Every structure is written in structure tokens, then in C-alpha cells.
Amino acid sequence: DLIHSLKPDPITNVQDSERAFDFWSNT
């Protein structure tokens, strides 16, 4: 889960800090 949140978005293939902070805000 951690690595998926830091890897590029599976649709856009662009790394997005919102995905990482979405995970971290719950961790």
C-alpha cells in the first residue's frame, strides 16, 4: 500500500503527492 501510494497513478502514470499524503494522513 505504501509503495503503491508513492508510485505513479495507475491511470495517468504520473506521480502525485496527493496520493502519498492521502495514505499518510491515515497512517
PDB file of all heavy atoms in Angstrom:
ATOM      1  N   ASP A   1       0.832  -1.211   0.000  1.00  0.00           N
ATOM      2  CA  ASP A   1       0.000   0.000   0.000  1.00  0.00           C
ATOM      3  C   ASP A   1       0.862   1.254   0.000  1.00  0.00           C
ATOM      4  O   ASP A   1       0.599   2.209  -0.739  1.00  0.00           O
ATOM      5  CB  ASP A   1      -0.925   0.005   1.218  1.00  0.00           C
ATOM      6  CG  ASP A   1      -1.877  -1.182   1.234  1.00  0.00           C
ATOM      7  OD1 ASP A   1      -2.683  -1.297   0.306  1.00  0.00           O
ATOM      8  OD2 ASP A   1      -1.804  -1.993   2.172  1.00  0.00           O
ATOM      9  N   LEU A   2       1.896   1.266   0.851  1.00  0.00           N
ATOM     10  CA  LEU A   2       2.806   2.411   0.906  1.00  0.00           C
ATOM     11  C   LEU A   2       3.429   2.667  -0.461  1.00  0.00           C
ATOM     12  O   LEU A   2       3.404   3.802  -0.969  1.00  0.00           O
ATOM     13  CB  LEU A   2       3.897   2.155   1.942  1.00  0.00           C
ATOM     14  CG  LEU A   2       5.094   3.123   1.902  1.00  0.00           C
ATOM     15  CD1 LEU A   2       4.676   4.510   2.343  1.00  0.00           C
ATOM     16  CD2 LEU A   2       6.250   2.595   2.747  1.00  0.00           C
ATOM     17  N   ILE A   3       3.985   1.637  -1.067  1.00  0.00           N
ATOM     18  CA  ILE A   3       4.679   1.817  -2.341  1.00  0.00           C
ATOM     19  C   ILE A   3       3.700   2.207  -3.444  1.00  0.00           C
ATOM     20  O   ILE A   3       4.000   3.065  -4.282  1.00  0.00           O
ATOM     21  CB  ILE A   3       5.462   0.546  -2.718  1.00  0.00           C
ATOM     22  CG1 ILE A   3       6.509   0.238  -1.633  1.00  0.00           C
ATOM     23  CG2 ILE A   3       6.130   0.709  -4.071  1.00  0.00           C
ATOM     24  CD1 ILE A   3       7.497   1.368  -1.378  1.00  0.00           C
ATOM     25  N   HIS A   4       2.520   1.610  -3.452  1.00  0.00           N
ATOM     26  CA  HIS A   4       1.522   1.993  -4.459  1.00  0.00           C
ATOM     27  C   HIS A   4       1.170   3.479  -4.345  1.00  0.00           C
ATOM     28  O   HIS A   4       0.978   4.156  -5.361  1.00  0.00           O
ATOM     29  CB  HIS A   4       0.252   1.159  -4.298  1.00  0.00           C
ATOM     30  CG  HIS A   4       0.383  -0.234  -4.806  1.00  0.00           C
ATOM     31  ND1 HIS A   4      -0.573  -1.206  -4.588  1.00  0.00           N
ATOM     32  CD2 HIS A   4       1.361  -0.841  -5.526  1.00  0.00           C
ATOM     33  CE1 HIS A   4      -0.198  -2.336  -5.143  1.00  0.00           C
ATOM     34  NE2 HIS A   4       0.980  -2.144  -5.718  1.00  0.00           N
ATOM     35  N   SER A   5       1.088   3.990  -3.129  1.00  0.00           N
ATOM     36  CA  SER A   5       0.730   5.405  -2.953  1.00  0.00           C
ATOM     37  C   SER A   5       1.832   6.337  -3.458  1.00  0.00           C
ATOM     38  O   SER A   5       1.567   7.483  -3.827  1.00  0.00           O
ATOM     39  CB  SER A   5       0.432   5.707  -1.478  1.00  0.00           C
ATOM     40  OG  SER A   5       1.620   5.755  -0.694  1.00  0.00           O
ATOM     41  N   LEU A   6       3.070   5.846  -3.476  1.00  0.00           N
ATOM     42  CA  LEU A   6       4.204   6.655  -3.920  1.00  0.00           C
ATOM     43  C   LEU A   6       4.517   6.469  -5.407  1.00  0.00           C
ATOM     44  O   LEU A   6       5.160   7.333  -6.016  1.00  0.00           O
ATOM     45  CB  LEU A   6       5.445   6.298  -3.099  1.00  0.00           C
ATOM     46  CG  LEU A   6       5.402   6.729  -1.633  1.00  0.00           C
ATOM     47  CD1 LEU A   6       6.492   6.024  -0.831  1.00  0.00           C
ATOM     48  CD2 LEU A   6       5.540   8.234  -1.506  1.00  0.00           C
ATOM     49  N   LYS A   7       4.084   5.369  -5.977  1.00  0.00           N
ATOM     50  CA  LYS A   7       4.292   5.120  -7.402  1.00  0.00           C
ATOM     51  C   LYS A   7       3.327   5.977  -8.233  1.00  0.00           C
ATOM     52  O   LYS A   7       2.352   6.532  -7.712  1.00  0.00           O
ATOM     53  CB  LYS A   7       4.055   3.639  -7.707  1.00  0.00           C
ATOM     54  CG  LYS A   7       5.143   2.691  -7.205  1.00  0.00           C
ATOM     55  CD  LYS A   7       6.375   2.754  -8.083  1.00  0.00           C
ATOM     56  CE  LYS A   7       7.360   1.644  -7.706  1.00  0.00           C
ATOM     57  NZ  LYS A   7       8.577   1.691  -8.558  1.00  0.00           N
ATOM     58  N   PRO A   8       3.568   6.108  -9.538  1.00  0.00           N
ATOM     59  CA  PRO A   8       2.648   6.876 -10.378  1.00  0.00           C
ATOM     60  C   PRO A   8       1.224   6.338 -10.340  1.00  0.00           C
ATOM     61  O   PRO A   8       0.990   5.145 -10.150  1.00  0.00           O
ATOM     62  CB  PRO A   8       3.259   6.732 -11.780  1.00  0.00           C
ATOM     63  CG  PRO A   8       4.715   6.525 -11.529  1.00  0.00           C
ATOM     64  CD  PRO A   8       4.773   5.702 -10.274  1.00  0.00           C
ATOM     65  N   ASP A   9       0.282   7.245 -10.523  1.00  0.00           N
ATOM     66  CA  ASP A   9      -1.136   6.910 -10.616  1.00  0.00           C
ATOM     67  C   ASP A   9      -1.327   5.846 -11.702  1.00  0.00           C
ATOM     68  O   ASP A   9      -0.789   5.971 -12.803  1.00  0.00           O
ATOM     69  CB  ASP A   9      -1.909   8.188 -10.977  1.00  0.00           C
ATOM     70  CG  ASP A   9      -3.401   7.991 -11.014  1.00  0.00           C
ATOM     71  OD1 ASP A   9      -3.868   7.144 -11.809  1.00  0.00           O
ATOM     72  OD2 ASP A   9      -4.120   8.697 -10.283  1.00  0.00           O
ATOM     73  N   PRO A  10      -2.108   4.771 -11.432  1.00  0.00           N
ATOM     74  CA  PRO A  10      -2.255   3.706 -12.427  1.00  0.00           C
ATOM     75  C   PRO A  10      -2.999   4.133 -13.688  1.00  0.00           C
ATOM     76  O   PRO A  10      -2.951   3.428 -14.697  1.00  0.00           O
ATOM     77  CB  PRO A  10      -3.031   2.617 -11.666  1.00  0.00           C
ATOM     78  CG  PRO A  10      -3.741   3.339 -10.569  1.00  0.00           C
ATOM     79  CD  PRO A  10      -2.835   4.468 -10.180  1.00  0.00           C
ATOM     80  N   ILE A  11      -3.678   5.285 -13.645  1.00  0.00           N
ATOM     81  CA  ILE A  11      -4.383   5.782 -14.828  1.00  0.00           C
ATOM     82  C   ILE A  11      -3.526   6.789 -15.589  1.00  0.00           C
ATOM     83  O   ILE A  11      -3.305   6.667 -16.795  1.00  0.00           O
ATOM     84  CB  ILE A  11      -5.731   6.433 -14.440  1.00  0.00           C
ATOM     85  CG1 ILE A  11      -6.566   5.455 -13.614  1.00  0.00           C
ATOM     86  CG2 ILE A  11      -6.488   6.885 -15.692  1.00  0.00           C
ATOM     87  CD1 ILE A  11      -6.892   4.151 -14.303  1.00  0.00           C
ATOM     88  N   THR A  12      -3.007   7.790 -14.864  1.00  0.00           N
ATOM     89  CA  THR A  12      -2.258   8.869 -15.519  1.00  0.00           C
ATOM     90  C   THR A  12      -0.785   8.549 -15.709  1.00  0.00           C
ATOM     91  O   THR A  12      -0.109   9.185 -16.510  1.00  0.00           O
ATOM     92  CB  THR A  12      -2.352  10.162 -14.700  1.00  0.00           C
ATOM     93  OG1 THR A  12      -1.666   9.980 -13.433  1.00  0.00           O
ATOM     94  CG2 THR A  12      -3.809  10.536 -14.422  1.00  0.00           C
ATOM     95  N   ASN A  13      -0.259   7.578 -14.956  1.00  0.00           N
ATOM     96  CA  ASN A  13       1.165   7.241 -14.936  1.00  0.00           C
ATOM     97  C   ASN A  13       2.020   8.431 -14.508  1.00  0.00           C
ATOM     98  O   ASN A  13       3.168   8.579 -14.934  1.00  0.00           O
ATOM     99  CB  ASN A  13       1.644   6.718 -16.297  1.00  0.00           C
ATOM    100  CG  ASN A  13       2.962   5.955 -16.170  1.00  0.00           C
ATOM    101  OD1 ASN A  13       3.195   5.257 -15.184  1.00  0.00           O
ATOM    102  ND2 ASN A  13       3.831   6.105 -17.155  1.00  0.00           N
ATOM    103  N   VAL A  14       1.487   9.277 -13.628  1.00  0.00           N
ATOM    104  CA  VAL A  14       2.197  10.436 -13.106  1.00  0.00           C
ATOM    105  C   VAL A  14       2.222  10.325 -11.581  1.00  0.00           C
ATOM    106  O   VAL A  14       1.193  10.067 -10.954  1.00  0.00           O
ATOM    107  CB  VAL A  14       1.513  11.755 -13.529  1.00  0.00           C
ATOM    108  CG1 VAL A  14       2.184  12.953 -12.869  1.00  0.00           C
ATOM    109  CG2 VAL A  14       1.550  11.902 -15.043  1.00  0.00           C
ATOM    110  N   GLN A  15       3.401  10.523 -10.997  1.00  0.00           N
ATOM    111  CA  GLN A  15       3.481  10.537  -9.536  1.00  0.00           C
ATOM    112  C   GLN A  15       2.717  11.743  -9.019  1.00  0.00           C
ATOM    113  O   GLN A  15       2.841  12.848  -9.542  1.00  0.00           O
ATOM    114  CB  GLN A  15       4.930  10.594  -9.070  1.00  0.00           C
ATOM    115  CG  GLN A  15       5.075  10.406  -7.560  1.00  0.00           C
ATOM    116  CD  GLN A  15       6.507  10.541  -7.077  1.00  0.00           C
ATOM    117  OE1 GLN A  15       7.287  11.264  -7.672  1.00  0.00           O
ATOM    118  NE2 GLN A  15       6.859   9.839  -6.014  1.00  0.00           N
ATOM    119  N   ASP A  16       1.917  11.545  -7.991  1.00  0.00           N
ATOM    120  CA  ASP A  16       1.037  12.593  -7.480  1.00  0.00           C
ATOM    121  C   ASP A  16       1.139  12.624  -5.962  1.00  0.00           C
ATOM    122  O   ASP A  16       0.800  11.653  -5.285  1.00  0.00           O
ATOM    123  CB  ASP A  16      -0.406  12.290  -7.913  1.00  0.00           C
ATOM    124  CG  ASP A  16      -1.375  13.426  -7.596  1.00  0.00           C
ATOM    125  OD1 ASP A  16      -1.022  14.302  -6.778  1.00  0.00           O
ATOM    126  OD2 ASP A  16      -2.479  13.432  -8.162  1.00  0.00           O
ATOM    127  N   SER A  17       1.613  13.752  -5.422  1.00  0.00           N
ATOM    128  CA  SER A  17       1.810  13.846  -3.972  1.00  0.00           C
ATOM    129  C   SER A  17       0.497  13.682  -3.212  1.00  0.00           C
ATOM    130  O   SER A  17       0.505  13.287  -2.045  1.00  0.00           O
ATOM    131  CB  SER A  17       2.464  15.174  -3.611  1.00  0.00           C
ATOM    132  OG  SER A  17       1.635  16.267  -3.969  1.00  0.00           O
ATOM    133  N   GLU A  18      -0.650  13.965  -3.849  1.00  0.00           N
ATOM    134  CA  GLU A  18      -1.924  13.797  -3.156  1.00  0.00           C
ATOM    135  C   GLU A  18      -2.153  12.337  -2.781  1.00  0.00           C
ATOM    136  O   GLU A  18      -2.698  12.036  -1.719  1.00  0.00           O
ATOM    137  CB  GLU A  18      -3.082  14.293  -4.019  1.00  0.00           C
ATOM    138  CG  GLU A  18      -4.419  14.223  -3.295  1.00  0.00           C
ATOM    139  CD  GLU A  18      -5.568  14.789  -4.093  1.00  0.00           C
ATOM    140  OE1 GLU A  18      -5.775  14.333  -5.242  1.00  0.00           O
ATOM    141  OE2 GLU A  18      -6.271  15.686  -3.573  1.00  0.00           O
ATOM    142  N   ARG A  19      -1.730  11.427  -3.637  1.00  0.00           N
ATOM    143  CA  ARG A  19      -1.884  10.003  -3.336  1.00  0.00           C
ATOM    144  C   ARG A  19      -1.065   9.618  -2.114  1.00  0.00           C
ATOM    145  O   ARG A  19      -1.534   8.881  -1.246  1.00  0.00           O
ATOM    146  CB  ARG A  19      -1.459   9.166  -4.550  1.00  0.00           C
ATOM    147  CG  ARG A  19      -2.384   9.269  -5.735  1.00  0.00           C
ATOM    148  CD  ARG A  19      -1.771   8.761  -7.035  1.00  0.00           C
ATOM    149  NE  ARG A  19      -0.990   7.550  -6.888  1.00  0.00           N
ATOM    150  CZ  ARG A  19      -1.494   6.320  -6.844  1.00  0.00           C
ATOM    151  NH1 ARG A  19      -2.813   6.147  -6.926  1.00  0.00           N
ATOM    152  NH2 ARG A  19      -0.709   5.267  -6.723  1.00  0.00           N
ATOM    153  N   ALA A  20       0.177  10.143  -2.037  1.00  0.00           N
ATOM    154  CA  ALA A  20       1.036   9.816  -0.893  1.00  0.00           C
ATOM    155  C   ALA A  20       0.454  10.378   0.398  1.00  0.00           C
ATOM    156  O   ALA A  20       0.360   9.673   1.415  1.00  0.00           O
ATOM    157  CB  ALA A  20       2.439  10.368  -1.131  1.00  0.00           C
ATOM    158  N   PHE A  21       0.049  11.644   0.365  1.00  0.00           N
ATOM    159  CA  PHE A  21      -0.491  12.250   1.582  1.00  0.00           C
ATOM    160  C   PHE A  21      -1.859  11.675   1.945  1.00  0.00           C
ATOM    161  O   PHE A  21      -2.240  11.671   3.124  1.00  0.00           O
ATOM    162  CB  PHE A  21      -0.564  13.767   1.432  1.00  0.00           C
ATOM    163  CG  PHE A  21       0.764  14.451   1.644  1.00  0.00           C
ATOM    164  CD1 PHE A  21       1.448  15.012   0.584  1.00  0.00           C
ATOM    165  CD2 PHE A  21       1.331  14.507   2.914  1.00  0.00           C
ATOM    166  CE1 PHE A  21       2.679  15.623   0.774  1.00  0.00           C
ATOM    167  CE2 PHE A  21       2.559  15.116   3.115  1.00  0.00           C
ATOM    168  CZ  PHE A  21       3.239  15.673   2.034  1.00  0.00           C
ATOM    169  N   ASP A  22      -2.587  11.195   0.974  1.00  0.00           N
ATOM    170  CA  ASP A  22      -3.850  10.509   1.272  1.00  0.00           C
ATOM    171  C   ASP A  22      -3.577   9.276   2.132  1.00  0.00           C
ATOM    172  O   ASP A  22      -4.271   9.024   3.128  1.00  0.00           O
ATOM    173  CB  ASP A  22      -4.525  10.113  -0.039  1.00  0.00           C
ATOM    174  CG  ASP A  22      -5.878   9.454   0.171  1.00  0.00           C
ATOM    175  OD1 ASP A  22      -6.596   9.841   1.120  1.00  0.00           O
ATOM    176  OD2 ASP A  22      -6.222   8.546  -0.608  1.00  0.00           O
ATOM    177  N   PHE A  23      -2.551   8.513   1.763  1.00  0.00           N
ATOM    178  CA  PHE A  23      -2.177   7.341   2.556  1.00  0.00           C
ATOM    179  C   PHE A  23      -1.623   7.758   3.917  1.00  0.00           C
ATOM    180  O   PHE A  23      -2.018   7.243   4.964  1.00  0.00           O
ATOM    181  CB  PHE A  23      -1.146   6.505   1.787  1.00  0.00           C
ATOM    182  CG  PHE A  23      -0.616   5.324   2.547  1.00  0.00           C
ATOM    183  CD1 PHE A  23      -1.354   4.154   2.648  1.00  0.00           C
ATOM    184  CD2 PHE A  23       0.623   5.375   3.177  1.00  0.00           C
ATOM    185  CE1 PHE A  23      -0.868   3.055   3.358  1.00  0.00           C
ATOM    186  CE2 PHE A  23       1.116   4.295   3.885  1.00  0.00           C
ATOM    187  CZ  PHE A  23       0.363   3.126   3.974  1.00  0.00           C
ATOM    188  N   TRP A  24      -0.690   8.703   3.924  1.00  0.00           N
ATOM    189  CA  TRP A  24      -0.041   9.111   5.173  1.00  0.00           C
ATOM    190  C   TRP A  24      -1.010   9.763   6.153  1.00  0.00           C
ATOM    191  O   TRP A  24      -0.840   9.636   7.369  1.00  0.00           O
ATOM    192  CB  TRP A  24       1.106  10.085   4.870  1.00  0.00           C
ATOM    193  CG  TRP A  24       2.274   9.440   4.203  1.00  0.00           C
ATOM    194  CD1 TRP A  24       2.672   8.133   4.310  1.00  0.00           C
ATOM    195  CD2 TRP A  24       3.201  10.060   3.305  1.00  0.00           C
ATOM    196  NE1 TRP A  24       3.788   7.908   3.534  1.00  0.00           N
ATOM    197  CE2 TRP A  24       4.143   9.063   2.925  1.00  0.00           C
ATOM    198  CE3 TRP A  24       3.344  11.354   2.800  1.00  0.00           C
ATOM    199  CZ2 TRP A  24       5.198   9.347   2.043  1.00  0.00           C
ATOM    200  CZ3 TRP A  24       4.388  11.628   1.938  1.00  0.00           C
ATOM    201  CH2 TRP A  24       5.301  10.638   1.565  1.00  0.00           C
ATOM    202  N   SER A  25      -2.016  10.465   5.646  1.00  0.00           N
ATOM    203  CA  SER A  25      -2.964  11.124   6.550  1.00  0.00           C
ATOM    204  C   SER A  25      -3.757  10.111   7.356  1.00  0.00           C
ATOM    205  O   SER A  25      -4.358  10.457   8.377  1.00  0.00           O
ATOM    206  CB  SER A  25      -3.916  12.028   5.753  1.00  0.00           C
ATOM    207  OG  SER A  25      -4.781  11.269   4.921  1.00  0.00           O
ATOM    208  N   ASN A  26      -3.759   8.867   6.903  1.00  0.00           N
ATOM    209  CA  ASN A  26      -4.417   7.777   7.628  1.00  0.00           C
ATOM    210  C   ASN A  26      -3.418   6.820   8.269  1.00  0.00           C
ATOM    211  O   ASN A  26      -3.791   5.745   8.732  1.00  0.00           O
ATOM    212  CB  ASN A  26      -5.319   6.997   6.662  1.00  0.00           C
ATOM    213  CG  ASN A  26      -6.452   7.841   6.115  1.00  0.00           C
ATOM    214  OD1 ASN A  26      -7.348   8.241   6.853  1.00  0.00           O
ATOM    215  ND2 ASN A  26      -6.400   8.143   4.830  1.00  0.00           N
ATOM    216  N   THR A  27      -2.133   7.230   8.305  1.00  0.00           N
ATOM    217  CA  THR A  27      -1.065   6.372   8.811  1.00  0.00           C
ATOM    218  C   THR A  27      -0.165   7.194   9.725  1.00  0.00           C
ATOM    219  O   THR A  27       0.951   7.581   9.343  1.00  0.00           O
ATOM    220  CB  THR A  27      -0.261   5.770   7.641  1.00  0.00           C
ATOM    221  OG1 THR A  27      -1.154   5.234   6.659  1.00  0.00           O
ATOM    222  CG2 THR A  27       0.675   4.665   8.122  1.00  0.00           C
TER     223      THR A  27
END
